[in-house]
Amino acid sequence: MIRYMGTRKNSEGATVYVFIVNGLEKEVREHALKQHPGCYEALPASAKAKIAANRDWLSKL
């Protein structure tokens, strides 16, 4: 079971997405979401839209 809890800043200042995976808390950076099965799919539409906007912005650099 994967449940999205929100986002927060880690000790390095990077934004991480916080999930509960099988009862344990897991922090995942945006670029690593696809490496963790089910985490991207558990995100709400607003978080997916923010990720899409970030990727669009990066593609213009």
PDB file of N, CA and C in Angstrom:
ATOM      1  N   MET A   1       0.842  -1.174   0.000  1.00  0.00           N
ATOM      2  CA  MET A   1       0.000   0.000   0.000  1.00  0.00           C
ATOM      3  C   MET A   1       0.890   1.242   0.000  1.00  0.00           C
ATOM      4  N   ILE A   2       0.598   2.180  -0.882  1.00  0.00           N
ATOM      5  CA  ILE A   2       1.348   3.428  -0.983  1.00  0.00           C
ATOM      6  C   ILE A   2       0.370   4.582  -0.791  1.00  0.00           C
ATOM      7  N   ARG A   3       0.731   5.483   0.120  1.00  0.00           N
ATOM      8  CA  ARG A   3      -0.126   6.637   0.401  1.00  0.00           C
ATOM      9  C   ARG A   3       0.722   7.909   0.385  1.00  0.00           C
ATOM     10  N   TYR A   4       0.281   8.903  -0.357  1.00  0.00           N
ATOM     11  CA  TYR A   4       0.985  10.181  -0.455  1.00  0.00           C
ATOM     12  C   TYR A   4       0.665  11.034   0.767  1.00  0.00           C
ATOM     13  N   MET A   5       1.694  11.580   1.420  1.00  0.00           N
ATOM     14  CA  MET A   5       1.493  12.385   2.620  1.00  0.00           C
ATOM     15  C   MET A   5       1.746  13.870   2.388  1.00  0.00           C
ATOM     16  N   GLY A   6       2.553  14.221   1.403  1.00  0.00           N
ATOM     17  CA  GLY A   6       2.838  15.629   1.132  1.00  0.00           C
ATOM     18  C   GLY A   6       4.280  15.824   0.714  1.00  0.00           C
ATOM     19  N   THR A   7       4.713  17.087   0.747  1.00  0.00           N
ATOM     20  CA  THR A   7       6.089  17.417   0.401  1.00  0.00           C
ATOM     21  C   THR A   7       6.733  18.138   1.579  1.00  0.00           C
ATOM     22  N   ARG A   8       8.053  18.108   1.586  1.00  0.00           N
ATOM     23  CA  ARG A   8       8.808  18.872   2.576  1.00  0.00           C
ATOM     24  C   ARG A   8      10.232  19.035   2.074  1.00  0.00           C
ATOM     25  N   LYS A   9      10.986  19.895   2.753  1.00  0.00           N
ATOM     26  CA  LYS A   9      12.397  20.108   2.427  1.00  0.00           C
ATOM     27  C   LYS A   9      13.231  19.154   3.262  1.00  0.00           C
ATOM     28  N   ASN A  10      14.232  18.538   2.638  1.00  0.00           N
ATOM     29  CA  ASN A  10      15.128  17.658   3.394  1.00  0.00           C
ATOM     30  C   ASN A  10      16.286  18.480   3.947  1.00  0.00           C
ATOM     31  N   SER A  11      17.238  17.840   4.591  1.00  0.00           N
ATOM     32  CA  SER A  11      18.357  18.548   5.225  1.00  0.00           C
ATOM     33  C   SER A  11      19.245  19.276   4.220  1.00  0.00           C
ATOM     34  N   GLU A  12      19.207  18.857   2.961  1.00  0.00           N
ATOM     35  CA  GLU A  12      19.995  19.504   1.912  1.00  0.00           C
ATOM     36  C   GLU A  12      19.252  20.657   1.257  1.00  0.00           C
ATOM     37  N   GLY A  13      17.996  20.881   1.630  1.00  0.00           N
ATOM     38  CA  GLY A  13      17.200  21.958   1.069  1.00  0.00           C
ATOM     39  C   GLY A  13      16.407  21.569  -0.168  1.00  0.00           C
ATOM     40  N   ALA A  14      16.474  20.309  -0.561  1.00  0.00           N
ATOM     41  CA  ALA A  14      15.737  19.840  -1.735  1.00  0.00           C
ATOM     42  C   ALA A  14      14.310  19.453  -1.339  1.00  0.00           C
ATOM     43  N   THR A  15      13.368  19.656  -2.242  1.00  0.00           N
ATOM     44  CA  THR A  15      11.992  19.246  -2.003  1.00  0.00           C
ATOM     45  C   THR A  15      11.868  17.755  -2.249  1.00  0.00           C
ATOM     46  N   VAL A  16      11.257  17.059  -1.299  1.00  0.00           N
ATOM     47  CA  VAL A  16      11.031  15.625  -1.436  1.00  0.00           C
ATOM     48  C   VAL A  16       9.548  15.334  -1.240  1.00  0.00           C
ATOM     49  N   TYR A  17       9.088  14.287  -1.890  1.00  0.00           N
ATOM     50  CA  TYR A  17       7.714  13.829  -1.756  1.00  0.00           C
ATOM     51  C   TYR A  17       7.699  12.731  -0.703  1.00  0.00           C
ATOM     52  N   VAL A  18       6.773  12.831   0.238  1.00  0.00           N
ATOM     53  CA  VAL A  18       6.731  11.895   1.360  1.00  0.00           C
ATOM     54  C   VAL A  18       5.577  10.918   1.145  1.00  0.00           C
ATOM     55  N   PHE A  19       5.890   9.626   1.250  1.00  0.00           N
ATOM     56  CA  PHE A  19       4.921   8.556   1.079  1.00  0.00           C
ATOM     57  C   PHE A  19       4.972   7.632   2.284  1.00  0.00           C
ATOM     58  N   ILE A  20       3.883   6.944   2.536  1.00  0.00           N
ATOM     59  CA  ILE A  20       3.863   5.827   3.467  1.00  0.00           C
ATOM     60  C   ILE A  20       3.792   4.582   2.587  1.00  0.00           C
ATOM     61  N   VAL A  21       4.834   3.766   2.622  1.00  0.00           N
ATOM     62  CA  VAL A  21       4.921   2.551   1.809  1.00  0.00           C
ATOM     63  C   VAL A  21       4.964   1.367   2.760  1.00  0.00           C
ATOM     64  N   ASN A  22       3.900   0.586   2.752  1.00  0.00           N
ATOM     65  CA  ASN A  22       3.796  -0.588   3.624  1.00  0.00           C
ATOM     66  C   ASN A  22       4.065  -0.236   5.092  1.00  0.00           C
ATOM     67  N   GLY A  23       3.544   0.912   5.522  1.00  0.00           N
ATOM     68  CA  GLY A  23       3.660   1.317   6.917  1.00  0.00           C
ATOM     69  C   GLY A  23       4.923   2.083   7.266  1.00  0.00           C
ATOM     70  N   LEU A  24       5.854   2.230   6.330  1.00  0.00           N
ATOM     71  CA  LEU A  24       7.098   2.950   6.586  1.00  0.00           C
ATOM     72  C   LEU A  24       7.140   4.239   5.784  1.00  0.00           C
ATOM     73  N   GLU A  25       7.654   5.315   6.396  1.00  0.00           N
ATOM     74  CA  GLU A  25       7.767   6.590   5.708  1.00  0.00           C
ATOM     75  C   GLU A  25       8.934   6.557   4.734  1.00  0.00           C
ATOM     76  N   LYS A  26       8.709   7.089   3.532  1.00  0.00           N
ATOM     77  CA  LYS A  26       9.747   7.107   2.505  1.00  0.00           C
ATOM     78  C   LYS A  26       9.746   8.478   1.852  1.00  0.00           C
ATOM     79  N   GLU A  27      10.924   9.085   1.746  1.00  0.00           N
ATOM     80  CA  GLU A  27      11.094  10.361   1.067  1.00  0.00           C
ATOM     81  C   GLU A  27      11.694  10.094  -0.307  1.00  0.00           C
ATOM     82  N   VAL A  28      11.076  10.673  -1.342  1.00  0.00           N
ATOM     83  CA  VAL A  28      11.528  10.445  -2.712  1.00  0.00           C
ATOM     84  C   VAL A  28      11.676  11.790  -3.402  1.00  0.00           C
ATOM     85  N   ARG A  29      12.829  12.010  -4.014  1.00  0.00           N
ATOM     86  CA  ARG A  29      13.028  13.233  -4.790  1.00  0.00           C
ATOM     87  C   ARG A  29      12.262  13.135  -6.103  1.00  0.00           C
ATOM     88  N   GLU A  30      11.986  14.299  -6.677  1.00  0.00           N
ATOM     89  CA  GLU A  30      11.176  14.348  -7.896  1.00  0.00           C
ATOM     90  C   GLU A  30      11.775  13.514  -9.024  1.00  0.00           C
ATOM     91  N   HIS A  31      13.072  13.598  -9.230  1.00  0.00           N
ATOM     92  CA  HIS A  31      13.690  12.876 -10.351  1.00  0.00           C
ATOM     93  C   HIS A  31      13.707  11.365 -10.134  1.00  0.00           C
ATOM     94  N   ALA A  32      13.470  10.903  -8.913  1.00  0.00           N
ATOM     95  CA  ALA A  32      13.519   9.474  -8.613  1.00  0.00           C
ATOM     96  C   ALA A  32      12.135   8.834  -8.489  1.00  0.00           C
ATOM     97  N   LEU A  33      11.078   9.588  -8.761  1.00  0.00           N
ATOM     98  CA  LEU A  33       9.724   9.044  -8.591  1.00  0.00           C
ATOM     99  C   LEU A  33       9.465   7.825  -9.473  1.00  0.00           C
ATOM    100  N   LYS A  34       9.980   7.838 -10.683  1.00  0.00           N
ATOM    101  CA  LYS A  34       9.742   6.720 -11.602  1.00  0.00           C
ATOM    102  C   LYS A  34      10.493   5.457 -11.173  1.00  0.00           C
ATOM    103  N   GLN A  35      11.515   5.605 -10.314  1.00  0.00           N
ATOM    104  CA  GLN A  35      12.295   4.459  -9.852  1.00  0.00           C
ATOM    105  C   GLN A  35      11.592   3.709  -8.724  1.00  0.00           C
ATOM    106  N   HIS A  36      10.576   4.301  -8.146  1.00  0.00           N
ATOM    107  CA  HIS A  36       9.850   3.690  -7.040  1.00  0.00           C
ATOM    108  C   HIS A  36       8.449   3.324  -7.523  1.00  0.00           C
ATOM    109  N   PRO A  37       8.208   2.056  -7.810  1.00  0.00           N
ATOM    110  CA  PRO A  37       6.930   1.630  -8.388  1.00  0.00           C
ATOM    111  C   PRO A  37       5.732   2.058  -7.547  1.00  0.00           C
ATOM    112  N   GLY A  38       4.782   2.696  -8.199  1.00  0.00           N
ATOM    113  CA  GLY A  38       3.536   3.091  -7.551  1.00  0.00           C
ATOM    114  C   GLY A  38       3.547   4.470  -6.941  1.00  0.00           C
ATOM    115  N   CYS A  39       4.710   5.053  -6.717  1.00  0.00           N
ATOM    116  CA  CYS A  39       4.767   6.362  -6.065  1.00  0.00           C
ATOM    117  C   CYS A  39       4.226   7.469  -6.974  1.00  0.00           C
ATOM    118  N   TYR A  40       4.641   7.494  -8.223  1.00  0.00           N
ATOM    119  CA  TYR A  40       4.150   8.537  -9.127  1.00  0.00           C
ATOM    120  C   TYR A  40       2.637   8.430  -9.299  1.00  0.00           C
ATOM    121  N   GLU A  41       2.139   7.217  -9.401  1.00  0.00           N
ATOM    122  CA  GLU A  41       0.704   7.010  -9.580  1.00  0.00           C
ATOM    123  C   GLU A  41      -0.089   7.436  -8.350  1.00  0.00           C
ATOM    124  N   ALA A  42       0.525   7.413  -7.159  1.00  0.00           N
ATOM    125  CA  ALA A  42      -0.149   7.784  -5.917  1.00  0.00           C
ATOM    126  C   ALA A  42      -0.248   9.294  -5.733  1.00  0.00           C
ATOM    127  N   LEU A  43       0.463  10.065  -6.544  1.00  0.00           N
ATOM    128  CA  LEU A  43       0.432  11.519  -6.408  1.00  0.00           C
ATOM    129  C   LEU A  43      -0.927  12.084  -6.831  1.00  0.00           C
ATOM    130  N   PRO A  44      -1.381  13.157  -6.178  1.00  0.00           N
ATOM    131  CA  PRO A  44      -2.605  13.824  -6.622  1.00  0.00           C
ATOM    132  C   PRO A  44      -2.336  14.595  -7.919  1.00  0.00           C
ATOM    133  N   ALA A  45      -3.378  14.976  -8.605  1.00  0.00           N
ATOM    134  CA  ALA A  45      -3.256  15.674  -9.885  1.00  0.00           C
ATOM    135  C   ALA A  45      -2.478  16.981  -9.744  1.00  0.00           C
ATOM    136  N   SER A  46      -2.634  17.681  -8.640  1.00  0.00           N
ATOM    137  CA  SER A  46      -1.926  18.952  -8.452  1.00  0.00           C
ATOM    138  C   SER A  46      -0.411  18.749  -8.390  1.00  0.00           C
ATOM    139  N   ALA A  47       0.037  17.697  -7.738  1.00  0.00           N
ATOM    140  CA  ALA A  47       1.471  17.407  -7.658  1.00  0.00           C
ATOM    141  C   ALA A  47       2.006  16.985  -9.024  1.00  0.00           C
ATOM    142  N   LYS A  48       1.232  16.201  -9.760  1.00  0.00           N
ATOM    143  CA  LYS A  48       1.658  15.797 -11.109  1.00  0.00           C
ATOM    144  C   LYS A  48       1.758  17.009 -12.026  1.00  0.00           C
ATOM    145  N   ALA A  49       0.839  17.971 -11.871  1.00  0.00           N
ATOM    146  CA  ALA A  49       0.877  19.188 -12.680  1.00  0.00           C
ATOM    147  C   ALA A  49       2.120  20.012 -12.353  1.00  0.00           C
ATOM    148  N   LYS A  50       2.494  20.084 -11.084  1.00  0.00           N
ATOM    149  CA  LYS A  50       3.686  20.815 -10.675  1.00  0.00           C
ATOM    150  C   LYS A  50       4.938  20.168 -11.253  1.00  0.00           C
ATOM    151  N   ILE A  51       4.996  18.847 -11.251  1.00  0.00           N
ATOM    152  CA  ILE A  51       6.129  18.121 -11.818  1.00  0.00           C
ATOM    153  C   ILE A  51       6.213  18.379 -13.319  1.00  0.00           C
ATOM    154  N   ALA A  52       5.075  18.354 -13.996  1.00  0.00           N
ATOM    155  CA  ALA A  52       5.049  18.615 -15.438  1.00  0.00           C
ATOM    156  C   ALA A  52       5.536  20.033 -15.733  1.00  0.00           C
ATOM    157  N   ALA A  53       5.140  20.995 -14.909  1.00  0.00           N
ATOM    158  CA  ALA A  53       5.588  22.373 -15.093  1.00  0.00           C
ATOM    159  C   ALA A  53       7.092  22.487 -14.869  1.00  0.00           C
ATOM    160  N   ASN A  54       7.609  21.793 -13.875  1.00  0.00           N
ATOM    161  CA  ASN A  54       9.053  21.802 -13.620  1.00  0.00           C
ATOM    162  C   ASN A  54       9.814  21.209 -14.801  1.00  0.00           C
ATOM    163  N   ARG A  55       9.323  20.110 -15.335  1.00  0.00           N
ATOM    164  CA  ARG A  55       9.993  19.468 -16.470  1.00  0.00           C
ATOM    165  C   ARG A  55       9.936  20.352 -17.709  1.00  0.00           C
ATOM    166  N   ASP A  56       8.821  21.040 -17.912  1.00  0.00           N
ATOM    167  CA  ASP A  56       8.684  21.944 -19.046  1.00  0.00           C
ATOM    168  C   ASP A  56       9.672  23.093 -18.919  1.00  0.00           C
ATOM    169  N   TRP A  57       9.794  23.622 -17.712  1.00  0.00           N
ATOM    170  CA  TRP A  57      10.725  24.722 -17.467  1.00  0.00           C
ATOM    171  C   TRP A  57      12.159  24.273 -17.725  1.00  0.00           C
ATOM    172  N   LEU A  58      12.514  23.077 -17.244  1.00  0.00           N
ATOM    173  CA  LEU A  58      13.871  22.565 -17.444  1.00  0.00           C
ATOM    174  C   LEU A  58      14.180  22.317 -18.924  1.00  0.00           C
ATOM    175  N   SER A  59      13.174  21.902 -19.684  1.00  0.00           N
ATOM    176  CA  SER A  59      13.411  21.627 -21.111  1.00  0.00           C
ATOM    177  C   SER A  59      13.709  22.886 -21.898  1.00  0.00           C
ATOM    178  N   LYS A  60      13.337  24.052 -21.359  1.00  0.00           N
ATOM    179  CA  LYS A  60      13.573  25.320 -22.059  1.00  0.00           C
ATOM    180  C   LYS A  60      14.960  25.898 -21.768  1.00  0.00           C
ATOM    181  N   LEU A  61      15.694  25.310 -20.843  1.00  0.00           N
ATOM    182  CA  LEU A  61      17.024  25.844 -20.513  1.00  0.00           C
ATOM    183  C   LEU A  61      18.045  25.513 -21.558  1.00  0.00           C
TER     184      LEU A  61
END
